[in-house]
């Protein structure tokens, strides 16, 4: 049990469990999706990963 689960009640633990199942346990899914939507292909500094910037000409 992590610190956020200790503070939350039993029903909140159930919500956390369901959330983790729906997101495959990946944190910050919504924020990552927002960043992906704002990313401009080909724009310097808008690469999703460091590997993408290394492959640009």
C-alpha atoms as a PDB file:
ATOM      1  CA  UNK A   1       0.000   0.000   0.000  1.00  0.00           C
ATOM      2  CA  UNK A   2       1.463   3.375  -0.982  1.00  0.00           C
ATOM      3  CA  UNK A   3       1.003   6.653   0.884  1.00  0.00           C
ATOM      4  CA  UNK A   4      -1.907   7.852  -1.262  1.00  0.00           C
ATOM      5  CA  UNK A   5      -3.767   4.591  -0.618  1.00  0.00           C
ATOM      6  CA  UNK A   6      -3.210   4.931   3.143  1.00  0.00           C
ATOM      7  CA  UNK A   7      -4.840   8.370   3.132  1.00  0.00           C
ATOM      8  CA  UNK A   8      -7.775   7.269   0.992  1.00  0.00           C
ATOM      9  CA  UNK A   9     -10.655   5.094   2.139  1.00  0.00           C
ATOM     10  CA  UNK A  10     -11.600   1.617   0.992  1.00  0.00           C
ATOM     11  CA  UNK A  11     -13.839   2.796  -1.861  1.00  0.00           C
ATOM     12  CA  UNK A  12     -11.052   5.036  -3.130  1.00  0.00           C
ATOM     13  CA  UNK A  13      -8.741   2.010  -3.213  1.00  0.00           C
ATOM     14  CA  UNK A  14     -11.273   0.333  -5.473  1.00  0.00           C
ATOM     15  CA  UNK A  15     -11.234   3.337  -7.788  1.00  0.00           C
ATOM     16  CA  UNK A  16      -7.438   3.330  -7.866  1.00  0.00           C
ATOM     17  CA  UNK A  17      -7.447  -0.369  -8.692  1.00  0.00           C
ATOM     18  CA  UNK A  18      -9.923   0.172 -11.545  1.00  0.00           C
ATOM     19  CA  UNK A  19      -7.924   3.149 -12.828  1.00  0.00           C
ATOM     20  CA  UNK A  20      -4.722   1.106 -12.902  1.00  0.00           C
ATOM     21  CA  UNK A  21      -6.477  -1.672 -14.789  1.00  0.00           C
ATOM     22  CA  UNK A  22      -7.879   0.738 -17.388  1.00  0.00           C
ATOM     23  CA  UNK A  23      -4.544   2.488 -17.919  1.00  0.00           C
ATOM     24  CA  UNK A  24      -2.445  -0.705 -17.804  1.00  0.00           C
ATOM     25  CA  UNK A  25      -0.745   0.733 -14.726  1.00  0.00           C
ATOM     26  CA  UNK A  26       0.800   3.599 -16.693  1.00  0.00           C
ATOM     27  CA  UNK A  27       0.774   6.839 -14.658  1.00  0.00           C
ATOM     28  CA  UNK A  28      -0.065  10.195 -16.169  1.00  0.00           C
ATOM     29  CA  UNK A  29      -1.838   8.778 -19.218  1.00  0.00           C
ATOM     30  CA  UNK A  30      -4.049  11.842 -19.661  1.00  0.00           C
ATOM     31  CA  UNK A  31      -1.124  14.275 -19.422  1.00  0.00           C
ATOM     32  CA  UNK A  32       0.922  12.246 -21.884  1.00  0.00           C
ATOM     33  CA  UNK A  33      -1.985  12.256 -24.329  1.00  0.00           C
ATOM     34  CA  UNK A  34      -2.303  16.044 -24.039  1.00  0.00           C
ATOM     35  CA  UNK A  35       1.415  16.465 -24.766  1.00  0.00           C
ATOM     36  CA  UNK A  36       1.130  14.096 -27.746  1.00  0.00           C
ATOM     37  CA  UNK A  37      -1.722  16.171 -29.186  1.00  0.00           C
ATOM     38  CA  UNK A  38       0.266  19.414 -28.868  1.00  0.00           C
ATOM     39  CA  UNK A  39       3.430  17.964 -30.433  1.00  0.00           C
ATOM     40  CA  UNK A  40       4.218  19.301 -33.915  1.00  0.00           C
ATOM     41  CA  UNK A  41       5.899  16.781 -36.227  1.00  0.00           C
ATOM     42  CA  UNK A  42       9.162  18.083 -37.615  1.00  0.00           C
ATOM     43  CA  UNK A  43       9.379  21.011 -35.178  1.00  0.00           C
ATOM     44  CA  UNK A  44      12.712  21.124 -33.296  1.00  0.00           C
ATOM     45  CA  UNK A  45      12.212  20.325 -29.621  1.00  0.00           C
ATOM     46  CA  UNK A  46       8.865  18.603 -30.200  1.00  0.00           C
ATOM     47  CA  UNK A  47      10.276  15.079 -30.353  1.00  0.00           C
ATOM     48  CA  UNK A  48       8.459  12.459 -28.290  1.00  0.00           C
ATOM     49  CA  UNK A  49      11.659  10.652 -27.339  1.00  0.00           C
ATOM     50  CA  UNK A  50      15.396  11.418 -27.423  1.00  0.00           C
ATOM     51  CA  UNK A  51      15.767   8.759 -30.133  1.00  0.00           C
ATOM     52  CA  UNK A  52      13.606  10.788 -32.520  1.00  0.00           C
ATOM     53  CA  UNK A  53      15.893  13.830 -32.322  1.00  0.00           C
ATOM     54  CA  UNK A  54      18.936  11.651 -33.067  1.00  0.00           C
ATOM     55  CA  UNK A  55      17.388  10.400 -36.322  1.00  0.00           C
ATOM     56  CA  UNK A  56      16.457  13.851 -37.657  1.00  0.00           C
ATOM     57  CA  UNK A  57      18.763  15.196 -40.398  1.00  0.00           C
END
